[in-house]
Amino acid sequence: MSSLSLIQAAYDLAVVADKATDAAVHKRVADIVKLHAKIAIASAWIPIPGADLAAMGTNTWTMYARINRTLGIPFSENLSKSLATGVGTNLLSSLPILGVSSVLKAIPGIGTVAGGMLLSLPLYTVTLAAGIVYMRVLAALLKKESKLTEVNLKEAVDSMLKDSGAVKQVIKAANREYRSAKAAGELNHRESLK
């Protein structure tokens, strides 16, 4: 189950951020990522082509800010938006179905439904993967005891995203998490966003 990857990334980050003494912090961080992945599913159903992807970007930068706030790591809003856009664009580019799904929404009714159905999995996957990538990058920088600046954080994210093997592994794990959550009924009702 890929949530092990998510929980491991959250735990590793909590350890290097000196928050491991708070036994629940890694679970709170993992829950933040899961919540935002579920919110991404809701954005898949926005009927306006392109607005779905814009909502996903906003959702991702909000997730990053919440992770940092939970860990007590200062974070600028501009950096958050920049990283969310960079990570999201990179991960989204590996999923060609996104463009087709969003364009389908131009067809009223059936196009909106088809587009929403086709986008739910990729937006959940990309959001979950973006959370894992971000946590791994933060953990790596904190392990090096690097100062978290806009420059070194962006460089670390870019470096990780260039490792196509690592990105594919994260996306596969996120896909498994989606299927597992869907099978468990976590994504089948409104209460799943709570």
Foldseek 3Di string as FASTA:
>chain_A
DLVVLQLVLLCLLCVLLVNVVVVCLSVVLSVLLQLLLLVLLVLQLPLAQPSSLVVLLVSLLVSVVVNCVSSVHDDDSVLSSVLSVVQLVLLVVVPVVLNVLSVLSVDPDVSSVSSSVSRSLSSSLSSSLSSSLLSNLSSVCSVVVHDDDSVSSVVSSVVQSVPVVNSVVSSVSSSVVVVVCVVVVLNVDPVNSD
